[in-house]
C-alpha atoms as a PDB file:
ATOM      1  CA  MET A   1     -43.910  65.070  -1.125  1.00  0.00           C
ATOM      2  CA  GLY A   2     -41.688  62.381  -3.153  1.00  0.00           C
ATOM      3  CA  MET A   3     -39.395  59.873  -1.803  1.00  0.00           C
ATOM      4  CA  TYR A   4     -36.318  61.873  -2.646  1.00  0.00           C
ATOM      5  CA  SER A   5     -37.897  65.048  -1.066  1.00  0.00           C
ATOM      6  CA  GLN A   6     -38.479  62.808   1.914  1.00  0.00           C
ATOM      7  CA  ASN A   7     -35.055  61.525   2.046  1.00  0.00           C
ATOM      8  CA  TYR A   8     -33.466  64.825   1.764  1.00  0.00           C
ATOM      9  CA  ASP A   9     -35.517  66.224   4.438  1.00  0.00           C
ATOM     10  CA  ALA A  10     -35.021  63.428   6.757  1.00  0.00           C
ATOM     11  CA  ARG A  11     -31.155  63.659   6.402  1.00  0.00           C
ATOM     12  CA  ASN A  12     -31.173  67.417   6.476  1.00  0.00           C
ATOM     13  CA  LEU A  13     -29.094  67.394   3.490  1.00  0.00           C
ATOM     14  CA  ASP A  14     -28.878  71.009   2.947  1.00  0.00           C
ATOM     15  CA  ASP A  15     -27.057  71.560   6.210  1.00  0.00           C
ATOM     16  CA  ASN A  16     -25.253  67.825   6.229  1.00  0.00           C
ATOM     17  CA  SER A  17     -24.107  66.833   2.261  1.00  0.00           C
ATOM     18  CA  ILE A  18     -20.991  67.394   1.219  1.00  0.00           C
ATOM     19  CA  TYR A  19     -22.364  68.462  -2.193  1.00  0.00           C
ATOM     20  CA  LYS A  20     -24.670  71.231  -0.323  1.00  0.00           C
ATOM     21  CA  ASP A  21     -22.275  74.121  -1.854  1.00  0.00           C
ATOM     22  CA  TYR A  22     -22.456  72.539  -5.556  1.00  0.00           C
ATOM     23  CA  ASP A  23     -24.119  73.879  -8.668  1.00  0.00           C
ATOM     24  CA  ARG A  24     -27.020  72.053 -10.030  1.00  0.00           C
ATOM     25  CA  LYS A  25     -24.926  71.734 -13.453  1.00  0.00           C
ATOM     26  CA  ASP A  26     -21.949  70.399 -11.445  1.00  0.00           C
ATOM     27  CA  LEU A  27     -24.364  67.701  -9.465  1.00  0.00           C
ATOM     28  CA  VAL A  28     -25.779  66.660 -13.141  1.00  0.00           C
ATOM     29  CA  VAL A  29     -22.418  66.050 -14.558  1.00  0.00           C
ATOM     30  CA  GLU A  30     -21.316  64.130 -11.129  1.00  0.00           C
ATOM     31  CA  ALA A  31     -24.577  61.768 -11.689  1.00  0.00           C
ATOM     32  CA  GLU A  32     -24.027  60.975 -15.317  1.00  0.00           C
ATOM     33  CA  TYR A  33     -20.206  60.129 -14.855  1.00  0.00           C
ATOM     34  CA  LEU A  34     -21.142  57.984 -11.934  1.00  0.00           C
ATOM     35  CA  ARG A  35     -24.118  56.335 -13.777  1.00  0.00           C
ATOM     36  CA  ALA A  36     -21.748  55.859 -16.859  1.00  0.00           C
ATOM     37  CA  HIS A  37     -19.199  53.932 -14.526  1.00  0.00           C
ATOM     38  CA  LEU A  38     -22.148  51.956 -12.779  1.00  0.00           C
ATOM     39  CA  LYS A  39     -23.308  50.757 -16.075  1.00  0.00           C
ATOM     40  CA  ILE A  40     -20.048  49.698 -17.152  1.00  0.00           C
ATOM     41  CA  ILE A  41     -19.737  47.582 -13.951  1.00  0.00           C
ATOM     42  CA  LEU A  42     -23.362  46.007 -14.124  1.00  0.00           C
ATOM     43  CA  GLU A  43     -22.663  44.874 -17.742  1.00  0.00           C
ATOM     44  CA  TYR A  44     -19.220  43.760 -16.929  1.00  0.00           C
ATOM     45  CA  LEU A  45     -20.812  41.454 -14.134  1.00  0.00           C
ATOM     46  CA  GLU A  46     -23.735  40.085 -16.434  1.00  0.00           C
ATOM     47  CA  LYS A  47     -21.357  38.959 -18.818  1.00  0.00           C
ATOM     48  CA  GLY A  48     -19.910  37.145 -16.111  1.00  0.00           C
ATOM     49  CA  GLY A  49     -16.954  39.231 -15.033  1.00  0.00           C
ATOM     50  CA  THR A  50     -15.487  38.402 -11.751  1.00  0.00           C
ATOM     51  CA  ASP A  51     -12.031  40.176 -11.312  1.00  0.00           C
ATOM     52  CA  LEU A  52     -12.134  42.606  -8.467  1.00  0.00           C
ATOM     53  CA  ASP A  53      -9.350  44.700  -9.696  1.00  0.00           C
ATOM     54  CA  LYS A  54     -10.979  45.164 -13.009  1.00  0.00           C
ATOM     55  CA  ILE A  55     -14.069  46.282 -11.178  1.00  0.00           C
ATOM     56  CA  LYS A  56     -12.046  48.261  -9.277  1.00  0.00           C
ATOM     57  CA  GLY A  57     -10.637  50.018 -11.656  1.00  0.00           C
ATOM     58  CA  VAL A  58     -13.653  51.312 -13.187  1.00  0.00           C
ATOM     59  CA  VAL A  59     -14.771  52.385  -9.738  1.00  0.00           C
ATOM     60  CA  MET A  60     -11.759  54.471  -9.204  1.00  0.00           C
ATOM     61  CA  ASP A  61     -12.007  56.056 -12.903  1.00  0.00           C
ATOM     62  CA  GLY A  62     -15.453  56.932 -12.084  1.00  0.00           C
ATOM     63  CA  ILE A  63     -14.476  58.616  -8.812  1.00  0.00           C
ATOM     64  CA  TYR A  64     -11.137  60.362 -10.705  1.00  0.00           C
ATOM     65  CA  ASP A  65     -13.788  61.294 -13.516  1.00  0.00           C
ATOM     66  CA  SER A  66     -16.580  62.725 -11.593  1.00  0.00           C
ATOM     67  CA  ARG A  67     -14.157  64.443  -9.175  1.00  0.00           C
ATOM     68  CA  ILE A  68     -16.040  63.144  -6.322  1.00  0.00           C
END
């Protein structure tokens, strides 16, 4: 059993996750939106970015885009 399966089972995510009723394709799209926005934030930070309002804006865009 892999790390994700162990975590999934240990946290009883079949019953406890807010995403339990999502279709697999929906979850993949959600994950891609969030990954893309996290990448933007990490690149910004690696370039020395420190403006928390800018970071917060990217986070809010990611949440809005992903509908979470």
